[in-house]
Amino acid sequence: MRTARTSEEGSALKILLLGATGATGRHVLELALKSGDHVTALARRPEALAALKGRAAVIAGDATSPDDVARAMEGQDAVIAALGRRQSLRAEALFTRAAEAVVRAADRTGVTRLVWMSSFGVGDTIRDASLVQRILYRTLLSDLYRNKEASERIIRESGLDWTIVYPTALTDGPATGNYRAAERIRMKGYPRISRADVADFLLRAARDAAWIRRHAVITG
């Protein structure tokens, strides 16, 4: 695999975006294009991104297919995964299957840089959760979180230059630029962060070698 390229070697990155049609992925897509990055979106429903014609490359495919991911990953500098299950509380193995597909595609293409969006409360991050957060994570969100944790084991055990990002509860509010990012943040109550601010951090992390093979908890 080749060494991940950061913004120090050029202002624009070639980014493969997984989850571009999702609520957070759309923010990542628009912000990356505004920043001058070259974006390729892999989407099961490419027609949902028809308005991007001429601004981004849209490839029809599935983020859980190693062949589809490899086809879209070729020649990229970084992969940003903003996958989600929308309103569903069942993972249906989405995250583990996507993680396996990304790792296998990276082996084929030599692309090493991966920024993977997870959720606060997954894995060891639950140790810093508030009581109300713990109750939610261990009940309604338990199936999703188990699959996300399993997907992260796949990523951490790979040879990729990964960053795993753990946002707290997501809102559709505007970008504020006023959020915290650290490996550990002790929570009180039920803190939130806007999807627009999450998108900002995902793109910053893709450029910043300081976050390679580290995780980041982010919250407003």
N, C-alpha and C. Protein backbone atom coordinates (compact mmCIF):
# COMPACT_ATOMS: atom_id res chain seq x y z
N MET A 1 0.84 -1.20 0.00
CA MET A 1 0.00 0.00 0.00
C MET A 1 0.88 1.25 0.00
N ARG A 2 0.39 2.31 -0.66
CA ARG A 2 1.16 3.55 -0.69
C ARG A 2 0.82 4.41 0.51
N THR A 3 1.69 5.36 0.79
CA THR A 3 1.51 6.24 1.94
C THR A 3 0.36 7.22 1.68
N ALA A 4 -0.44 7.45 2.70
CA ALA A 4 -1.56 8.38 2.56
C ALA A 4 -1.07 9.79 2.30
N ARG A 5 -1.74 10.51 1.37
CA ARG A 5 -1.37 11.88 1.07
C ARG A 5 -2.22 12.82 1.91
N THR A 6 -1.62 13.87 2.44
CA THR A 6 -2.34 14.86 3.22
C THR A 6 -2.34 16.19 2.48
N SER A 7 -3.05 17.15 3.05
CA SER A 7 -3.16 18.44 2.38
C SER A 7 -1.85 19.19 2.33
N GLU A 8 -0.86 18.78 3.11
CA GLU A 8 0.43 19.44 3.05
C GLU A 8 1.07 19.27 1.67
N GLU A 9 0.64 18.26 0.93
CA GLU A 9 1.20 17.98 -0.39
C GLU A 9 0.31 18.52 -1.50
N GLY A 10 -0.71 19.26 -1.16
CA GLY A 10 -1.63 19.80 -2.16
C GLY A 10 -2.92 20.22 -1.50
N SER A 11 -3.55 21.28 -2.00
CA SER A 11 -4.73 21.80 -1.33
C SER A 11 -5.97 20.94 -1.56
N ALA A 12 -6.03 20.26 -2.69
CA ALA A 12 -7.21 19.46 -3.00
C ALA A 12 -6.91 17.98 -2.86
N LEU A 13 -7.88 17.24 -2.36
CA LEU A 13 -7.76 15.80 -2.26
C LEU A 13 -8.75 15.12 -3.19
N LYS A 14 -8.40 13.93 -3.62
CA LYS A 14 -9.33 13.07 -4.35
C LYS A 14 -9.95 12.13 -3.33
N ILE A 15 -11.25 12.30 -3.12
CA ILE A 15 -11.95 11.63 -2.02
C ILE A 15 -13.03 10.70 -2.56
N LEU A 16 -13.03 9.47 -2.07
CA LEU A 16 -14.15 8.57 -2.28
C LEU A 16 -15.07 8.69 -1.08
N LEU A 17 -16.33 9.02 -1.33
CA LEU A 17 -17.30 9.20 -0.26
C LEU A 17 -18.31 8.06 -0.29
N LEU A 18 -18.42 7.35 0.82
CA LEU A 18 -19.43 6.31 1.00
C LEU A 18 -20.52 6.88 1.90
N GLY A 19 -21.78 6.70 1.51
CA GLY A 19 -22.88 7.27 2.28
C GLY A 19 -23.24 8.67 1.84
N ALA A 20 -22.95 9.00 0.57
CA ALA A 20 -23.17 10.37 0.09
C ALA A 20 -24.63 10.78 0.05
N THR A 21 -25.55 9.82 -0.04
CA THR A 21 -26.97 10.17 -0.10
C THR A 21 -27.61 10.30 1.28
N GLY A 22 -26.85 10.00 2.33
CA GLY A 22 -27.36 10.12 3.68
C GLY A 22 -27.31 11.56 4.17
N ALA A 23 -27.92 11.80 5.31
CA ALA A 23 -28.04 13.17 5.83
C ALA A 23 -26.68 13.78 6.13
N THR A 24 -25.77 13.01 6.74
CA THR A 24 -24.43 13.54 7.03
C THR A 24 -23.57 13.53 5.77
N GLY A 25 -23.69 12.48 4.97
CA GLY A 25 -22.90 12.37 3.76
C GLY A 25 -23.13 13.53 2.81
N ARG A 26 -24.33 14.03 2.72
CA ARG A 26 -24.61 15.17 1.84
C ARG A 26 -23.87 16.41 2.30
N HIS A 27 -23.75 16.58 3.61
CA HIS A 27 -22.97 17.71 4.12
C HIS A 27 -21.49 17.54 3.76
N VAL A 28 -20.98 16.32 3.90
CA VAL A 28 -19.58 16.07 3.54
C VAL A 28 -19.37 16.38 2.06
N LEU A 29 -20.28 15.92 1.24
CA LEU A 29 -20.18 16.11 -0.20
C LEU A 29 -20.14 17.59 -0.57
N GLU A 30 -21.07 18.35 -0.08
CA GLU A 30 -21.14 19.77 -0.42
C GLU A 30 -19.94 20.53 0.11
N LEU A 31 -19.51 20.22 1.33
CA LEU A 31 -18.37 20.93 1.90
C LEU A 31 -17.08 20.59 1.16
N ALA A 32 -16.91 19.32 0.77
CA ALA A 32 -15.72 18.92 0.03
C ALA A 32 -15.66 19.62 -1.32
N LEU A 33 -16.78 19.69 -2.00
CA LEU A 33 -16.81 20.38 -3.29
C LEU A 33 -16.53 21.87 -3.12
N LYS A 34 -17.09 22.46 -2.09
CA LYS A 34 -16.85 23.88 -1.81
C LYS A 34 -15.37 24.12 -1.51
N SER A 35 -14.70 23.12 -0.92
CA SER A 35 -13.28 23.25 -0.57
C SER A 35 -12.37 22.99 -1.77
N GLY A 36 -12.94 22.57 -2.89
CA GLY A 36 -12.15 22.33 -4.07
C GLY A 36 -11.65 20.90 -4.21
N ASP A 37 -12.14 20.01 -3.37
CA ASP A 37 -11.75 18.60 -3.48
C ASP A 37 -12.45 17.94 -4.67
N HIS A 38 -11.86 16.86 -5.14
CA HIS A 38 -12.43 16.08 -6.23
C HIS A 38 -13.13 14.87 -5.60
N VAL A 39 -14.43 14.82 -5.70
CA VAL A 39 -15.21 13.83 -4.97
C VAL A 39 -15.79 12.78 -5.92
N THR A 40 -15.64 11.53 -5.51
CA THR A 40 -16.33 10.42 -6.16
C THR A 40 -17.29 9.83 -5.14
N ALA A 41 -18.55 9.75 -5.49
CA ALA A 41 -19.57 9.20 -4.59
C ALA A 41 -20.00 7.83 -5.12
N LEU A 42 -19.92 6.81 -4.27
CA LEU A 42 -20.43 5.49 -4.60
C LEU A 42 -21.82 5.37 -3.99
N ALA A 43 -22.81 5.15 -4.83
CA ALA A 43 -24.20 5.18 -4.33
C ALA A 43 -25.04 4.09 -4.99
N ARG A 44 -25.87 3.44 -4.18
CA ARG A 44 -26.80 2.46 -4.73
C ARG A 44 -27.87 3.13 -5.57
N ARG A 45 -28.17 4.38 -5.24
CA ARG A 45 -29.17 5.14 -6.00
C ARG A 45 -28.50 6.38 -6.61
N PRO A 46 -27.74 6.21 -7.66
CA PRO A 46 -27.04 7.36 -8.24
C PRO A 46 -27.97 8.46 -8.71
N GLU A 47 -29.22 8.10 -9.03
CA GLU A 47 -30.18 9.11 -9.48
C GLU A 47 -30.45 10.15 -8.39
N ALA A 48 -30.23 9.77 -7.13
CA ALA A 48 -30.44 10.71 -6.03
C ALA A 48 -29.40 11.82 -6.03
N LEU A 49 -28.32 11.63 -6.78
CA LEU A 49 -27.25 12.62 -6.86
C LEU A 49 -27.15 13.23 -8.25
N ALA A 50 -28.23 13.14 -9.01
CA ALA A 50 -28.22 13.63 -10.39
C ALA A 50 -27.89 15.11 -10.48
N ALA A 51 -28.24 15.87 -9.46
CA ALA A 51 -27.97 17.31 -9.48
C ALA A 51 -26.48 17.63 -9.43
N LEU A 52 -25.66 16.65 -9.13
CA LEU A 52 -24.22 16.87 -9.02
C LEU A 52 -23.49 16.70 -10.34
N LYS A 53 -24.22 16.44 -11.40
CA LYS A 53 -23.58 16.20 -12.69
C LYS A 53 -22.65 17.36 -13.04
N GLY A 54 -21.41 17.01 -13.35
CA GLY A 54 -20.40 18.01 -13.68
C GLY A 54 -19.64 18.54 -12.50
N ARG A 55 -20.11 18.24 -11.29
CA ARG A 55 -19.42 18.71 -10.07
C ARG A 55 -18.71 17.58 -9.35
N ALA A 56 -19.25 16.38 -9.43
CA ALA A 56 -18.66 15.22 -8.75
C ALA A 56 -18.89 13.99 -9.61
N ALA A 57 -18.03 12.99 -9.43
CA ALA A 57 -18.22 11.72 -10.12
C ALA A 57 -19.13 10.84 -9.28
N VAL A 58 -20.18 10.32 -9.88
CA VAL A 58 -21.12 9.46 -9.18
C VAL A 58 -21.07 8.08 -9.82
N ILE A 59 -20.76 7.07 -9.02
CA ILE A 59 -20.64 5.70 -9.50
C ILE A 59 -21.71 4.85 -8.85
N ALA A 60 -22.45 4.11 -9.66
CA ALA A 60 -23.46 3.21 -9.13
C ALA A 60 -22.78 2.00 -8.50
N GLY A 61 -23.14 1.70 -7.26
CA GLY A 61 -22.54 0.56 -6.59
C GLY A 61 -22.93 0.50 -5.14
N ASP A 62 -22.47 -0.55 -4.48
CA ASP A 62 -22.85 -0.84 -3.10
C ASP A 62 -21.60 -0.78 -2.22
N ALA A 63 -21.69 -0.08 -1.11
CA ALA A 63 -20.55 0.07 -0.20
C ALA A 63 -20.18 -1.24 0.49
N THR A 64 -21.02 -2.26 0.37
CA THR A 64 -20.70 -3.56 0.97
C THR A 64 -20.11 -4.53 -0.06
N SER A 65 -19.90 -4.08 -1.28
CA SER A 65 -19.33 -4.91 -2.33
C SER A 65 -17.86 -4.57 -2.53
N PRO A 66 -16.93 -5.48 -2.25
CA PRO A 66 -15.51 -5.19 -2.47
C PRO A 66 -15.21 -4.78 -3.90
N ASP A 67 -15.87 -5.40 -4.87
CA ASP A 67 -15.64 -5.06 -6.27
C ASP A 67 -16.08 -3.63 -6.58
N ASP A 68 -17.27 -3.26 -6.09
CA ASP A 68 -17.77 -1.90 -6.34
C ASP A 68 -16.89 -0.86 -5.65
N VAL A 69 -16.52 -1.14 -4.41
CA VAL A 69 -15.70 -0.18 -3.67
C VAL A 69 -14.32 -0.04 -4.32
N ALA A 70 -13.72 -1.15 -4.75
CA ALA A 70 -12.41 -1.09 -5.39
C ALA A 70 -12.47 -0.29 -6.69
N ARG A 71 -13.54 -0.47 -7.43
CA ARG A 71 -13.69 0.26 -8.70
C ARG A 71 -13.74 1.77 -8.45
N ALA A 72 -14.43 2.17 -7.40
CA ALA A 72 -14.56 3.60 -7.08
C ALA A 72 -13.33 4.14 -6.35
N MET A 73 -12.59 3.26 -5.67
CA MET A 73 -11.46 3.68 -4.84
C MET A 73 -10.19 3.92 -5.65
N GLU A 74 -10.10 3.33 -6.82
CA GLU A 74 -8.88 3.43 -7.62
C GLU A 74 -8.50 4.89 -7.86
N GLY A 75 -7.25 5.23 -7.50
CA GLY A 75 -6.74 6.57 -7.75
C GLY A 75 -7.11 7.62 -6.73
N GLN A 76 -7.83 7.25 -5.68
CA GLN A 76 -8.22 8.23 -4.66
C GLN A 76 -7.10 8.47 -3.65
N ASP A 77 -7.16 9.61 -2.96
CA ASP A 77 -6.23 9.91 -1.88
C ASP A 77 -6.77 9.42 -0.54
N ALA A 78 -8.08 9.44 -0.38
CA ALA A 78 -8.68 9.09 0.90
C ALA A 78 -10.11 8.60 0.69
N VAL A 79 -10.57 7.82 1.65
CA VAL A 79 -11.96 7.36 1.68
C VAL A 79 -12.61 7.93 2.95
N ILE A 80 -13.77 8.53 2.80
CA ILE A 80 -14.56 8.98 3.94
C ILE A 80 -15.86 8.17 3.93
N ALA A 81 -16.13 7.47 5.02
CA ALA A 81 -17.35 6.67 5.14
C ALA A 81 -18.29 7.33 6.14
N ALA A 82 -19.43 7.79 5.63
CA ALA A 82 -20.46 8.40 6.48
C ALA A 82 -21.73 7.58 6.37
N LEU A 83 -21.58 6.28 6.54
CA LEU A 83 -22.70 5.36 6.37
C LEU A 83 -23.65 5.39 7.56
N GLY A 84 -24.91 5.16 7.29
CA GLY A 84 -25.88 5.11 8.37
C GLY A 84 -27.09 4.29 7.97
N ARG A 85 -27.96 4.02 8.95
CA ARG A 85 -29.16 3.22 8.70
C ARG A 85 -30.42 4.07 8.74
N ARG A 86 -30.23 5.38 8.55
CA ARG A 86 -31.36 6.31 8.57
C ARG A 86 -32.16 6.14 9.86
N GLN A 87 -33.43 5.80 9.77
CA GLN A 87 -34.27 5.69 10.98
C GLN A 87 -34.32 4.28 11.54
N SER A 88 -33.64 3.34 10.91
CA SER A 88 -33.71 1.95 11.37
C SER A 88 -32.85 1.75 12.61
N LEU A 89 -33.33 0.89 13.51
CA LEU A 89 -32.57 0.54 14.71
C LEU A 89 -31.89 -0.82 14.55
N ARG A 90 -31.92 -1.38 13.36
CA ARG A 90 -31.27 -2.66 13.07
C ARG A 90 -30.14 -2.43 12.09
N ALA A 91 -28.96 -2.96 12.42
CA ALA A 91 -27.79 -2.75 11.57
C ALA A 91 -27.83 -3.59 10.30
N GLU A 92 -28.38 -4.79 10.41
CA GLU A 92 -28.41 -5.74 9.29
C GLU A 92 -27.01 -5.90 8.68
N ALA A 93 -26.00 -5.88 9.56
CA ALA A 93 -24.60 -6.13 9.20
C ALA A 93 -24.04 -5.10 8.21
N LEU A 94 -24.67 -3.95 8.08
CA LEU A 94 -24.19 -2.93 7.14
C LEU A 94 -22.74 -2.55 7.42
N PHE A 95 -22.43 -2.26 8.67
CA PHE A 95 -21.12 -1.68 8.99
C PHE A 95 -20.00 -2.71 8.89
N THR A 96 -20.26 -3.94 9.33
CA THR A 96 -19.22 -4.96 9.20
C THR A 96 -19.00 -5.31 7.73
N ARG A 97 -20.05 -5.41 6.96
CA ARG A 97 -19.90 -5.74 5.55
C ARG A 97 -19.17 -4.62 4.81
N ALA A 98 -19.49 -3.38 5.14
CA ALA A 98 -18.81 -2.25 4.50
C ALA A 98 -17.34 -2.18 4.91
N ALA A 99 -17.05 -2.44 6.18
CA ALA A 99 -15.66 -2.42 6.63
C ALA A 99 -14.85 -3.49 5.91
N GLU A 100 -15.41 -4.68 5.79
CA GLU A 100 -14.71 -5.75 5.07
C GLU A 100 -14.49 -5.38 3.61
N ALA A 101 -15.49 -4.75 3.00
CA ALA A 101 -15.37 -4.35 1.60
C ALA A 101 -14.28 -3.30 1.42
N VAL A 102 -14.22 -2.33 2.32
CA VAL A 102 -13.21 -1.27 2.23
C VAL A 102 -11.81 -1.84 2.41
N VAL A 103 -11.63 -2.72 3.39
CA VAL A 103 -10.31 -3.30 3.63
C VAL A 103 -9.86 -4.12 2.43
N ARG A 104 -10.75 -4.92 1.88
CA ARG A 104 -10.39 -5.73 0.72
C ARG A 104 -10.11 -4.86 -0.50
N ALA A 105 -10.90 -3.81 -0.69
CA ALA A 105 -10.67 -2.90 -1.82
C ALA A 105 -9.35 -2.15 -1.66
N ALA A 106 -9.01 -1.79 -0.43
CA ALA A 106 -7.74 -1.10 -0.18
C ALA A 106 -6.56 -1.99 -0.52
N ASP A 107 -6.67 -3.27 -0.22
CA ASP A 107 -5.61 -4.22 -0.58
C ASP A 107 -5.39 -4.25 -2.09
N ARG A 108 -6.46 -4.10 -2.84
CA ARG A 108 -6.35 -4.14 -4.30
C ARG A 108 -5.81 -2.84 -4.88
N THR A 109 -6.22 -1.72 -4.31
CA THR A 109 -5.94 -0.42 -4.92
C THR A 109 -4.73 0.29 -4.32
N GLY A 110 -4.34 -0.08 -3.10
CA GLY A 110 -3.23 0.60 -2.44
C GLY A 110 -3.60 1.89 -1.75
N VAL A 111 -4.90 2.21 -1.69
CA VAL A 111 -5.35 3.42 -0.99
C VAL A 111 -5.44 3.10 0.50
N THR A 112 -4.78 3.88 1.33
CA THR A 112 -4.68 3.54 2.75
C THR A 112 -5.50 4.44 3.68
N ARG A 113 -5.78 5.67 3.27
CA ARG A 113 -6.38 6.63 4.20
C ARG A 113 -7.88 6.44 4.29
N LEU A 114 -8.37 6.20 5.49
CA LEU A 114 -9.80 5.99 5.74
C LEU A 114 -10.24 6.79 6.95
N VAL A 115 -11.29 7.58 6.76
CA VAL A 115 -11.96 8.28 7.87
C VAL A 115 -13.34 7.66 7.97
N TRP A 116 -13.61 7.03 9.11
CA TRP A 116 -14.81 6.20 9.29
C TRP A 116 -15.68 6.82 10.38
N MET A 117 -16.91 7.20 10.04
CA MET A 117 -17.82 7.77 11.02
C MET A 117 -18.54 6.67 11.79
N SER A 118 -18.43 6.71 13.10
CA SER A 118 -19.12 5.78 13.98
C SER A 118 -20.13 6.59 14.81
N SER A 119 -20.32 6.24 16.06
CA SER A 119 -21.21 6.96 16.96
C SER A 119 -20.64 6.92 18.36
N PHE A 120 -20.77 8.02 19.08
CA PHE A 120 -20.32 8.01 20.47
C PHE A 120 -21.13 6.98 21.26
N GLY A 121 -20.43 6.24 22.12
CA GLY A 121 -21.05 5.17 22.89
C GLY A 121 -20.68 3.80 22.37
N VAL A 122 -20.11 3.75 21.16
CA VAL A 122 -19.65 2.47 20.60
C VAL A 122 -18.30 2.12 21.23
N GLY A 123 -18.13 0.84 21.56
CA GLY A 123 -16.86 0.38 22.11
C GLY A 123 -16.51 1.04 23.43
N ASP A 124 -15.23 1.37 23.58
CA ASP A 124 -14.75 1.93 24.84
C ASP A 124 -15.27 3.34 25.12
N THR A 125 -15.83 4.02 24.11
CA THR A 125 -16.28 5.39 24.36
C THR A 125 -17.44 5.44 25.34
N ILE A 126 -18.12 4.33 25.56
CA ILE A 126 -19.25 4.33 26.49
C ILE A 126 -18.81 4.61 27.92
N ARG A 127 -17.54 4.42 28.22
CA ARG A 127 -17.05 4.67 29.58
C ARG A 127 -17.20 6.14 29.98
N ASP A 128 -17.27 7.04 28.98
CA ASP A 128 -17.40 8.46 29.27
C ASP A 128 -18.82 8.97 29.05
N ALA A 129 -19.76 8.06 28.82
CA ALA A 129 -21.15 8.45 28.56
C ALA A 129 -21.87 8.82 29.85
N SER A 130 -22.85 9.70 29.71
CA SER A 130 -23.71 10.04 30.84
C SER A 130 -24.71 8.90 31.08
N LEU A 131 -25.42 8.96 32.18
CA LEU A 131 -26.40 7.93 32.49
C LEU A 131 -27.47 7.83 31.41
N VAL A 132 -27.99 8.96 30.96
CA VAL A 132 -29.05 8.93 29.95
C VAL A 132 -28.53 8.37 28.63
N GLN A 133 -27.30 8.68 28.31
CA GLN A 133 -26.71 8.11 27.09
C GLN A 133 -26.56 6.60 27.21
N ARG A 134 -26.06 6.13 28.34
CA ARG A 134 -25.85 4.69 28.53
C ARG A 134 -27.15 3.91 28.38
N ILE A 135 -28.22 4.44 28.95
CA ILE A 135 -29.52 3.77 28.86
C ILE A 135 -29.94 3.63 27.40
N LEU A 136 -29.80 4.71 26.63
CA LEU A 136 -30.19 4.68 25.22
C LEU A 136 -29.31 3.71 24.42
N TYR A 137 -28.00 3.78 24.64
CA TYR A 137 -27.07 2.95 23.87
C TYR A 137 -27.28 1.46 24.13
N ARG A 138 -27.64 1.12 25.36
CA ARG A 138 -27.77 -0.30 25.73
C ARG A 138 -29.16 -0.87 25.51
N THR A 139 -30.07 -0.01 25.05
CA THR A 139 -31.43 -0.49 24.78
C THR A 139 -31.77 -0.29 23.29
N LEU A 140 -32.28 0.87 22.94
CA LEU A 140 -32.74 1.11 21.57
C LEU A 140 -31.63 0.95 20.53
N LEU A 141 -30.43 1.37 20.86
CA LEU A 141 -29.35 1.39 19.86
C LEU A 141 -28.41 0.20 19.97
N SER A 142 -28.74 -0.79 20.77
CA SER A 142 -27.79 -1.87 21.06
C SER A 142 -27.40 -2.67 19.82
N ASP A 143 -28.35 -2.97 18.94
CA ASP A 143 -28.02 -3.76 17.74
C ASP A 143 -27.11 -2.97 16.81
N LEU A 144 -27.43 -1.72 16.56
CA LEU A 144 -26.58 -0.89 15.73
C LEU A 144 -25.17 -0.78 16.30
N TYR A 145 -25.08 -0.57 17.60
CA TYR A 145 -23.78 -0.34 18.23
C TYR A 145 -22.93 -1.61 18.25
N ARG A 146 -23.55 -2.77 18.40
CA ARG A 146 -22.77 -4.02 18.35
C ARG A 146 -22.14 -4.19 16.98
N ASN A 147 -22.89 -3.90 15.93
CA ASN A 147 -22.35 -4.07 14.59
C ASN A 147 -21.29 -3.02 14.28
N LYS A 148 -21.50 -1.80 14.77
CA LYS A 148 -20.48 -0.76 14.58
C LYS A 148 -19.19 -1.14 15.30
N GLU A 149 -19.30 -1.66 16.51
CA GLU A 149 -18.09 -2.06 17.24
C GLU A 149 -17.35 -3.17 16.51
N ALA A 150 -18.09 -4.14 15.97
CA ALA A 150 -17.46 -5.23 15.21
C ALA A 150 -16.78 -4.69 13.96
N SER A 151 -17.39 -3.72 13.30
CA SER A 151 -16.79 -3.15 12.09
C SER A 151 -15.48 -2.44 12.43
N GLU A 152 -15.43 -1.81 13.59
CA GLU A 152 -14.22 -1.09 13.98
C GLU A 152 -13.07 -2.03 14.30
N ARG A 153 -13.38 -3.21 14.80
CA ARG A 153 -12.32 -4.21 15.01
C ARG A 153 -11.69 -4.59 13.68
N ILE A 154 -12.52 -4.73 12.65
CA ILE A 154 -12.01 -5.05 11.32
C ILE A 154 -11.07 -3.95 10.83
N ILE A 155 -11.48 -2.72 11.02
CA ILE A 155 -10.68 -1.57 10.56
C ILE A 155 -9.38 -1.44 11.35
N ARG A 156 -9.47 -1.55 12.68
CA ARG A 156 -8.28 -1.39 13.52
C ARG A 156 -7.25 -2.49 13.26
N GLU A 157 -7.72 -3.66 12.90
CA GLU A 157 -6.80 -4.77 12.66
C GLU A 157 -6.24 -4.78 11.23
N SER A 158 -6.70 -3.86 10.40
CA SER A 158 -6.22 -3.78 9.02
C SER A 158 -4.92 -2.97 8.99
N GLY A 159 -4.33 -2.88 7.82
CA GLY A 159 -3.13 -2.07 7.66
C GLY A 159 -3.44 -0.65 7.22
N LEU A 160 -4.69 -0.23 7.31
CA LEU A 160 -5.09 1.08 6.84
C LEU A 160 -4.66 2.20 7.78
N ASP A 161 -4.54 3.39 7.22
CA ASP A 161 -4.29 4.61 8.01
C ASP A 161 -5.66 5.19 8.38
N TRP A 162 -6.27 4.57 9.38
CA TRP A 162 -7.65 4.89 9.72
C TRP A 162 -7.75 6.00 10.76
N THR A 163 -8.89 6.67 10.74
CA THR A 163 -9.35 7.53 11.83
C THR A 163 -10.82 7.17 12.04
N ILE A 164 -11.18 6.84 13.27
CA ILE A 164 -12.58 6.54 13.59
C ILE A 164 -13.14 7.72 14.38
N VAL A 165 -14.28 8.23 13.92
CA VAL A 165 -14.86 9.45 14.49
C VAL A 165 -16.17 9.11 15.19
N TYR A 166 -16.28 9.57 16.45
CA TYR A 166 -17.43 9.25 17.29
C TYR A 166 -18.22 10.52 17.62
N PRO A 167 -19.17 10.93 16.78
CA PRO A 167 -20.00 12.08 17.13
C PRO A 167 -21.08 11.70 18.13
N THR A 168 -21.46 12.67 18.95
CA THR A 168 -22.62 12.47 19.83
C THR A 168 -23.88 12.61 18.97
N ALA A 169 -25.05 12.73 19.60
CA ALA A 169 -26.33 12.75 18.88
C ALA A 169 -26.31 13.81 17.78
N LEU A 170 -26.77 13.44 16.60
CA LEU A 170 -26.70 14.31 15.43
C LEU A 170 -27.96 15.17 15.29
N THR A 171 -27.74 16.41 14.89
CA THR A 171 -28.86 17.32 14.60
C THR A 171 -28.73 17.82 13.17
N ASP A 172 -29.78 18.44 12.68
CA ASP A 172 -29.76 19.04 11.35
C ASP A 172 -29.50 20.53 11.41
N GLY A 173 -28.94 20.99 12.50
CA GLY A 173 -28.63 22.40 12.66
C GLY A 173 -27.50 22.86 11.75
N PRO A 174 -27.24 24.17 11.72
CA PRO A 174 -26.20 24.72 10.85
C PRO A 174 -24.80 24.43 11.39
N ALA A 175 -23.83 24.61 10.52
CA ALA A 175 -22.43 24.51 10.96
C ALA A 175 -22.13 25.66 11.91
N THR A 176 -21.43 25.35 12.98
CA THR A 176 -21.07 26.39 13.95
C THR A 176 -19.56 26.59 14.01
N GLY A 177 -18.80 25.54 13.68
CA GLY A 177 -17.35 25.61 13.84
C GLY A 177 -16.94 25.60 15.29
N ASN A 178 -17.92 25.49 16.18
CA ASN A 178 -17.67 25.54 17.63
C ASN A 178 -18.00 24.18 18.23
N TYR A 179 -17.06 23.24 18.08
CA TYR A 179 -17.27 21.90 18.62
C TYR A 179 -15.95 21.40 19.20
N ARG A 180 -16.05 20.38 20.04
CA ARG A 180 -14.86 19.81 20.68
C ARG A 180 -14.50 18.49 20.02
N ALA A 181 -13.21 18.23 19.91
CA ALA A 181 -12.72 16.97 19.35
C ALA A 181 -11.52 16.52 20.19
N ALA A 182 -11.62 15.30 20.73
CA ALA A 182 -10.54 14.76 21.55
C ALA A 182 -10.72 13.25 21.63
N GLU A 183 -9.69 12.55 22.07
CA GLU A 183 -9.81 11.10 22.18
C GLU A 183 -10.76 10.69 23.29
N ARG A 184 -10.90 11.53 24.31
CA ARG A 184 -11.87 11.26 25.38
C ARG A 184 -12.53 12.56 25.79
N ILE A 185 -13.86 12.54 25.90
CA ILE A 185 -14.62 13.67 26.44
C ILE A 185 -15.66 13.09 27.38
N ARG A 186 -15.64 13.47 28.63
CA ARG A 186 -16.63 12.99 29.58
C ARG A 186 -17.93 13.77 29.40
N MET A 187 -19.03 13.05 29.24
CA MET A 187 -20.30 13.67 28.87
C MET A 187 -21.20 13.95 30.08
N LYS A 188 -22.03 14.95 29.91
CA LYS A 188 -23.10 15.26 30.86
C LYS A 188 -24.39 15.42 30.08
N GLY A 189 -25.46 14.83 30.59
CA GLY A 189 -26.74 14.95 29.91
C GLY A 189 -26.75 14.24 28.57
N TYR A 190 -27.27 14.93 27.55
CA TYR A 190 -27.39 14.33 26.22
C TYR A 190 -26.88 15.33 25.18
N PRO A 191 -25.57 15.50 25.09
CA PRO A 191 -25.00 16.50 24.16
C PRO A 191 -25.22 16.12 22.70
N ARG A 192 -25.20 17.14 21.86
CA ARG A 192 -25.47 16.96 20.44
C ARG A 192 -24.41 17.69 19.61
N ILE A 193 -24.41 17.38 18.32
CA ILE A 193 -23.54 18.07 17.37
C ILE A 193 -24.25 18.07 16.02
N SER A 194 -24.12 19.16 15.27
CA SER A 194 -24.79 19.21 13.97
C SER A 194 -24.04 18.35 12.95
N ARG A 195 -24.80 17.81 12.02
CA ARG A 195 -24.19 17.02 10.95
C ARG A 195 -23.21 17.87 10.15
N ALA A 196 -23.51 19.15 10.01
CA ALA A 196 -22.61 20.04 9.28
C ALA A 196 -21.26 20.15 9.97
N ASP A 197 -21.26 20.21 11.30
CA ASP A 197 -19.99 20.25 12.03
C ASP A 197 -19.27 18.91 11.96
N VAL A 198 -20.01 17.81 11.96
CA VAL A 198 -19.39 16.49 11.79
C VAL A 198 -18.70 16.42 10.44
N ALA A 199 -19.37 16.89 9.40
CA ALA A 199 -18.77 16.89 8.05
C ALA A 199 -17.48 17.69 8.05
N ASP A 200 -17.48 18.82 8.72
CA ASP A 200 -16.27 19.64 8.80
C ASP A 200 -15.12 18.85 9.40
N PHE A 201 -15.39 18.13 10.49
CA PHE A 201 -14.31 17.37 11.12
C PHE A 201 -13.85 16.20 10.26
N LEU A 202 -14.78 15.50 9.64
CA LEU A 202 -14.40 14.37 8.80
C LEU A 202 -13.42 14.81 7.71
N LEU A 203 -13.69 15.94 7.10
CA LEU A 203 -12.81 16.44 6.05
C LEU A 203 -11.48 16.93 6.62
N ARG A 204 -11.52 17.58 7.77
CA ARG A 204 -10.28 18.01 8.40
C ARG A 204 -9.41 16.81 8.77
N ALA A 205 -10.04 15.76 9.29
CA ALA A 205 -9.27 14.58 9.69
C ALA A 205 -8.62 13.91 8.48
N ALA A 206 -9.31 13.91 7.34
CA ALA A 206 -8.75 13.30 6.14
C ALA A 206 -7.47 13.99 5.70
N ARG A 207 -7.34 15.28 6.05
CA ARG A 207 -6.18 16.07 5.68
C ARG A 207 -5.06 16.03 6.73
N ASP A 208 -5.40 15.64 7.93
CA ASP A 208 -4.49 15.82 9.07
C ASP A 208 -3.86 14.50 9.48
N ALA A 209 -2.57 14.36 9.22
CA ALA A 209 -1.87 13.11 9.55
C ALA A 209 -1.83 12.86 11.06
N ALA A 210 -2.07 13.90 11.86
CA ALA A 210 -2.04 13.73 13.31
C ALA A 210 -3.14 12.80 13.80
N TRP A 211 -4.19 12.61 13.00
CA TRP A 211 -5.30 11.74 13.41
C TRP A 211 -5.17 10.32 12.88
N ILE A 212 -4.11 10.01 12.18
CA ILE A 212 -3.96 8.66 11.63
C ILE A 212 -3.80 7.64 12.75
N ARG A 213 -4.57 6.58 12.65
CA ARG A 213 -4.62 5.49 13.63
C ARG A 213 -4.95 5.98 15.04
N ARG A 214 -5.85 6.94 15.07
CA ARG A 214 -6.39 7.45 16.33
C ARG A 214 -7.90 7.61 16.14
N HIS A 215 -8.62 7.67 17.26
CA HIS A 215 -10.04 7.97 17.17
C HIS A 215 -10.31 9.35 17.76
N ALA A 216 -11.44 9.91 17.38
CA ALA A 216 -11.82 11.24 17.85
C ALA A 216 -13.27 11.23 18.28
N VAL A 217 -13.53 11.66 19.51
CA VAL A 217 -14.89 11.93 19.97
C VAL A 217 -15.17 13.40 19.67
N ILE A 218 -16.31 13.68 19.05
CA ILE A 218 -16.65 15.08 18.74
C ILE A 218 -18.05 15.39 19.25
N THR A 219 -18.20 16.58 19.78
CA THR A 219 -19.50 17.01 20.32
C THR A 219 -19.56 18.53 20.32
N GLY A 220 -20.78 19.05 20.31
CA GLY A 220 -20.96 20.51 20.33
C GLY A 220 -20.78 21.07 21.72
